[in-house]
């Protein structure tokens, strides 16, 4: 038996690139910088050394989430490693990348620069800034987090 699971968190190194396969499947590619901390042998000080990791996400979720990712966004990713090999201009090339199964935003894209966020409001398959509705009242600004969605609607789909 072998296990192929990866969990990383870091910041996007570039804006993501969204494209489609010939069959129409969305493919989202982006890079994540993950710091490794090592002691500098000469100064004795701890220093951060970045590791740059290519990540790829497929399908409708990749297309939807692409609107909320940009260079510098802090994310946590869970996925699996995939090694690819190809030839270009007569040279063999290869790379190891993370195929993303789950992604979580660690900071708000709509941060006001002071550590606060405007909150999110679910809107037809995506999130938009501008607060959220709770108990008939509109909330916005500050460090408020919208309530969790009602997952009981999925109970009838569970096969056991």
C-alpha atoms as a PDB file:
ATOM      1  CA  UNK A   1       0.000   0.000   0.000  1.00  0.00           C
ATOM      2  CA  UNK A   2       1.201   3.529  -0.692  1.00  0.00           C
ATOM      3  CA  UNK A   3      -0.074   6.909   0.480  1.00  0.00           C
ATOM      4  CA  UNK A   4       0.008  10.016  -1.675  1.00  0.00           C
ATOM      5  CA  UNK A   5      -1.367  12.971   0.364  1.00  0.00           C
ATOM      6  CA  UNK A   6       0.021  16.497   0.579  1.00  0.00           C
ATOM      7  CA  UNK A   7      -1.028  19.355   2.859  1.00  0.00           C
ATOM      8  CA  UNK A   8       0.590  22.769   2.356  1.00  0.00           C
ATOM      9  CA  UNK A   9      -0.156  26.379   3.168  1.00  0.00           C
ATOM     10  CA  UNK A  10       1.434  29.416   1.630  1.00  0.00           C
ATOM     11  CA  UNK A  11       0.930  32.366  -0.674  1.00  0.00           C
ATOM     12  CA  UNK A  12       0.217  32.322  -4.395  1.00  0.00           C
ATOM     13  CA  UNK A  13       3.324  33.308  -6.344  1.00  0.00           C
ATOM     14  CA  UNK A  14       1.410  34.478  -9.404  1.00  0.00           C
ATOM     15  CA  UNK A  15      -2.131  35.054 -10.621  1.00  0.00           C
ATOM     16  CA  UNK A  16      -3.748  31.735 -11.504  1.00  0.00           C
ATOM     17  CA  UNK A  17      -4.114  30.659 -15.124  1.00  0.00           C
ATOM     18  CA  UNK A  18      -7.479  29.204 -16.162  1.00  0.00           C
ATOM     19  CA  UNK A  19      -7.717  27.179 -19.362  1.00  0.00           C
ATOM     20  CA  UNK A  20      -9.748  24.257 -20.692  1.00  0.00           C
ATOM     21  CA  UNK A  21      -8.927  20.827 -22.060  1.00  0.00           C
ATOM     22  CA  UNK A  22     -10.104  19.823 -25.535  1.00  0.00           C
ATOM     23  CA  UNK A  23     -13.107  18.142 -23.890  1.00  0.00           C
ATOM     24  CA  UNK A  24     -14.026  21.355 -22.032  1.00  0.00           C
ATOM     25  CA  UNK A  25     -12.775  20.505 -18.534  1.00  0.00           C
ATOM     26  CA  UNK A  26     -11.555  23.590 -16.662  1.00  0.00           C
ATOM     27  CA  UNK A  27      -7.885  23.482 -15.578  1.00  0.00           C
ATOM     28  CA  UNK A  28      -6.583  26.012 -13.038  1.00  0.00           C
ATOM     29  CA  UNK A  29      -2.812  26.333 -12.595  1.00  0.00           C
ATOM     30  CA  UNK A  30      -1.045  28.383  -9.940  1.00  0.00           C
ATOM     31  CA  UNK A  31       2.083  28.406  -7.813  1.00  0.00           C
ATOM     32  CA  UNK A  32       2.339  28.439  -4.019  1.00  0.00           C
ATOM     33  CA  UNK A  33       5.385  29.544  -2.019  1.00  0.00           C
ATOM     34  CA  UNK A  34       5.890  27.505   1.159  1.00  0.00           C
ATOM     35  CA  UNK A  35       8.658  28.620   3.513  1.00  0.00           C
ATOM     36  CA  UNK A  36      11.174  26.252   5.062  1.00  0.00           C
ATOM     37  CA  UNK A  37      13.007  27.578   8.117  1.00  0.00           C
ATOM     38  CA  UNK A  38      16.738  26.864   8.449  1.00  0.00           C
ATOM     39  CA  UNK A  39      19.555  28.203  10.575  1.00  0.00           C
ATOM     40  CA  UNK A  40      22.161  30.182   8.629  1.00  0.00           C
ATOM     41  CA  UNK A  41      25.512  28.485   9.359  1.00  0.00           C
ATOM     42  CA  UNK A  42      27.443  31.759   9.176  1.00  0.00           C
ATOM     43  CA  UNK A  43      25.190  34.075  11.210  1.00  0.00           C
ATOM     44  CA  UNK A  44      23.402  31.537  13.408  1.00  0.00           C
ATOM     45  CA  UNK A  45      20.107  33.299  12.611  1.00  0.00           C
ATOM     46  CA  UNK A  46      16.991  31.450  11.486  1.00  0.00           C
ATOM     47  CA  UNK A  47      16.017  32.277   7.909  1.00  0.00           C
ATOM     48  CA  UNK A  48      13.076  31.444   5.678  1.00  0.00           C
ATOM     49  CA  UNK A  49      13.848  29.646   2.420  1.00  0.00           C
ATOM     50  CA  UNK A  50      10.931  29.457  -0.011  1.00  0.00           C
ATOM     51  CA  UNK A  51       9.880  26.313  -1.854  1.00  0.00           C
ATOM     52  CA  UNK A  52       7.891  27.040  -5.003  1.00  0.00           C
ATOM     53  CA  UNK A  53       5.214  24.447  -5.682  1.00  0.00           C
ATOM     54  CA  UNK A  54       3.135  24.150  -8.860  1.00  0.00           C
ATOM     55  CA  UNK A  55      -0.526  23.323  -8.198  1.00  0.00           C
ATOM     56  CA  UNK A  56      -3.296  22.244 -10.572  1.00  0.00           C
ATOM     57  CA  UNK A  57      -7.037  22.011  -9.952  1.00  0.00           C
ATOM     58  CA  UNK A  58      -9.636  20.561 -12.331  1.00  0.00           C
ATOM     59  CA  UNK A  59     -13.363  20.896 -13.010  1.00  0.00           C
ATOM     60  CA  UNK A  60     -16.165  23.303 -12.209  1.00  0.00           C
ATOM     61  CA  UNK A  61     -14.730  24.139  -8.776  1.00  0.00           C
ATOM     62  CA  UNK A  62     -11.493  25.230 -10.451  1.00  0.00           C
ATOM     63  CA  UNK A  63     -13.409  27.578 -12.714  1.00  0.00           C
ATOM     64  CA  UNK A  64     -15.473  29.023  -9.880  1.00  0.00           C
ATOM     65  CA  UNK A  65     -12.621  29.498  -7.462  1.00  0.00           C
ATOM     66  CA  UNK A  66     -10.343  31.145 -10.029  1.00  0.00           C
ATOM     67  CA  UNK A  67     -12.182  34.459  -9.541  1.00  0.00           C
ATOM     68  CA  UNK A  68     -11.117  34.635  -5.895  1.00  0.00           C
ATOM     69  CA  UNK A  69      -7.430  33.790  -6.249  1.00  0.00           C
ATOM     70  CA  UNK A  70      -4.693  36.257  -7.067  1.00  0.00           C
ATOM     71  CA  UNK A  71      -0.975  36.698  -6.451  1.00  0.00           C
ATOM     72  CA  UNK A  72      -0.318  36.897  -2.703  1.00  0.00           C
ATOM     73  CA  UNK A  73      -3.509  35.104  -1.602  1.00  0.00           C
ATOM     74  CA  UNK A  74      -2.770  32.858   1.393  1.00  0.00           C
ATOM     75  CA  UNK A  75      -4.262  29.377   0.974  1.00  0.00           C
ATOM     76  CA  UNK A  76      -4.200  25.930   2.545  1.00  0.00           C
ATOM     77  CA  UNK A  77      -4.221  23.065   0.063  1.00  0.00           C
ATOM     78  CA  UNK A  78      -4.785  19.340   0.343  1.00  0.00           C
ATOM     79  CA  UNK A  79      -4.106  17.082  -2.592  1.00  0.00           C
ATOM     80  CA  UNK A  80      -1.795  14.502  -4.100  1.00  0.00           C
ATOM     81  CA  UNK A  81       1.537  14.588  -5.898  1.00  0.00           C
ATOM     82  CA  UNK A  82       1.709  13.898  -9.621  1.00  0.00           C
ATOM     83  CA  UNK A  83       4.897  13.555 -11.629  1.00  0.00           C
ATOM     84  CA  UNK A  84       4.756  14.521 -15.313  1.00  0.00           C
ATOM     85  CA  UNK A  85       7.324  13.964 -18.031  1.00  0.00           C
ATOM     86  CA  UNK A  86       7.481  15.403 -21.556  1.00  0.00           C
ATOM     87  CA  UNK A  87       9.913  16.386 -24.275  1.00  0.00           C
ATOM     88  CA  UNK A  88      10.394  19.907 -25.628  1.00  0.00           C
ATOM     89  CA  UNK A  89      12.918  20.943 -28.262  1.00  0.00           C
ATOM     90  CA  UNK A  90      14.623  17.558 -27.966  1.00  0.00           C
ATOM     91  CA  UNK A  91      15.095  17.868 -24.190  1.00  0.00           C
ATOM     92  CA  UNK A  92      13.349  15.668 -21.662  1.00  0.00           C
ATOM     93  CA  UNK A  93      11.600  17.648 -18.956  1.00  0.00           C
ATOM     94  CA  UNK A  94       9.690  16.678 -15.830  1.00  0.00           C
ATOM     95  CA  UNK A  95       7.974  18.243 -12.866  1.00  0.00           C
ATOM     96  CA  UNK A  96       6.308  17.281  -9.619  1.00  0.00           C
ATOM     97  CA  UNK A  97       3.068  19.136  -8.888  1.00  0.00           C
ATOM     98  CA  UNK A  98       0.195  19.031  -6.426  1.00  0.00           C
ATOM     99  CA  UNK A  99      -3.194  18.043  -7.817  1.00  0.00           C
ATOM    100  CA  UNK A 100      -5.569  20.017  -5.596  1.00  0.00           C
ATOM    101  CA  UNK A 101      -8.486  18.195  -3.979  1.00  0.00           C
ATOM    102  CA  UNK A 102      -9.349  20.839  -1.356  1.00  0.00           C
ATOM    103  CA  UNK A 103      -8.447  24.515  -1.031  1.00  0.00           C
ATOM    104  CA  UNK A 104      -9.171  26.901   1.815  1.00  0.00           C
ATOM    105  CA  UNK A 105      -8.643  30.655   1.883  1.00  0.00           C
ATOM    106  CA  UNK A 106      -6.489  31.701   4.824  1.00  0.00           C
ATOM    107  CA  UNK A 107      -7.005  35.462   4.285  1.00  0.00           C
ATOM    108  CA  UNK A 108      -9.793  37.469   2.739  1.00  0.00           C
ATOM    109  CA  UNK A 109      -9.353  38.806  -0.773  1.00  0.00           C
ATOM    110  CA  UNK A 110     -11.445  41.768   0.337  1.00  0.00           C
ATOM    111  CA  UNK A 111      -9.323  42.613   3.372  1.00  0.00           C
ATOM    112  CA  UNK A 112      -9.366  46.312   4.168  1.00  0.00           C
ATOM    113  CA  UNK A 113      -5.647  46.338   4.941  1.00  0.00           C
ATOM    114  CA  UNK A 114      -6.205  46.560   8.701  1.00  0.00           C
ATOM    115  CA  UNK A 115      -6.758  42.881   9.382  1.00  0.00           C
ATOM    116  CA  UNK A 116     -10.545  43.083   9.067  1.00  0.00           C
ATOM    117  CA  UNK A 117     -12.702  41.806   6.273  1.00  0.00           C
ATOM    118  CA  UNK A 118     -16.047  42.737   4.830  1.00  0.00           C
ATOM    119  CA  UNK A 119     -17.487  39.234   5.120  1.00  0.00           C
ATOM    120  CA  UNK A 120     -18.904  37.139   2.314  1.00  0.00           C
ATOM    121  CA  UNK A 121     -22.373  36.571   1.008  1.00  0.00           C
ATOM    122  CA  UNK A 122     -23.110  33.371  -0.949  1.00  0.00           C
ATOM    123  CA  UNK A 123     -24.448  34.309  -4.390  1.00  0.00           C
ATOM    124  CA  UNK A 124     -25.245  31.738  -7.096  1.00  0.00           C
ATOM    125  CA  UNK A 125     -22.177  29.522  -6.844  1.00  0.00           C
ATOM    126  CA  UNK A 126     -19.686  32.142  -5.694  1.00  0.00           C
ATOM    127  CA  UNK A 127     -18.974  34.654  -2.985  1.00  0.00           C
ATOM    128  CA  UNK A 128     -19.300  38.392  -3.165  1.00  0.00           C
ATOM    129  CA  UNK A 129     -18.157  40.980  -0.677  1.00  0.00           C
ATOM    130  CA  UNK A 130     -20.616  43.148   1.141  1.00  0.00           C
ATOM    131  CA  UNK A 131     -21.613  41.378   4.333  1.00  0.00           C
ATOM    132  CA  UNK A 132     -24.185  38.737   5.018  1.00  0.00           C
ATOM    133  CA  UNK A 133     -27.744  38.250   6.228  1.00  0.00           C
ATOM    134  CA  UNK A 134     -28.475  36.727   9.628  1.00  0.00           C
ATOM    135  CA  UNK A 135     -31.773  36.741  11.476  1.00  0.00           C
ATOM    136  CA  UNK A 136     -33.246  39.262   9.045  1.00  0.00           C
ATOM    137  CA  UNK A 137     -30.470  41.786   9.678  1.00  0.00           C
ATOM    138  CA  UNK A 138     -27.737  42.764   7.221  1.00  0.00           C
ATOM    139  CA  UNK A 139     -24.195  42.597   8.634  1.00  0.00           C
ATOM    140  CA  UNK A 140     -21.078  44.073   7.089  1.00  0.00           C
ATOM    141  CA  UNK A 141     -17.563  45.151   8.001  1.00  0.00           C
ATOM    142  CA  UNK A 142     -15.525  44.160  11.033  1.00  0.00           C
ATOM    143  CA  UNK A 143     -14.305  40.641  11.617  1.00  0.00           C
ATOM    144  CA  UNK A 144     -17.706  38.978  11.326  1.00  0.00           C
ATOM    145  CA  UNK A 145     -17.969  35.558   9.731  1.00  0.00           C
ATOM    146  CA  UNK A 146     -21.139  34.371   8.006  1.00  0.00           C
ATOM    147  CA  UNK A 147     -23.000  31.460   9.608  1.00  0.00           C
ATOM    148  CA  UNK A 148     -22.262  27.960   8.339  1.00  0.00           C
ATOM    149  CA  UNK A 149     -24.653  26.674   5.649  1.00  0.00           C
ATOM    150  CA  UNK A 150     -27.423  24.277   6.652  1.00  0.00           C
ATOM    151  CA  UNK A 151     -25.976  20.867   5.768  1.00  0.00           C
ATOM    152  CA  UNK A 152     -29.117  18.955   6.807  1.00  0.00           C
ATOM    153  CA  UNK A 153     -30.388  19.239   3.220  1.00  0.00           C
ATOM    154  CA  UNK A 154     -27.798  16.611   2.292  1.00  0.00           C
ATOM    155  CA  UNK A 155     -28.903  14.036   4.894  1.00  0.00           C
ATOM    156  CA  UNK A 156     -31.217  12.231   2.471  1.00  0.00           C
ATOM    157  CA  UNK A 157     -28.333  11.649   0.068  1.00  0.00           C
ATOM    158  CA  UNK A 158     -26.221   9.700   2.594  1.00  0.00           C
ATOM    159  CA  UNK A 159     -26.451   5.983   1.661  1.00  0.00           C
ATOM    160  CA  UNK A 160     -26.197   4.553   5.209  1.00  0.00           C
END
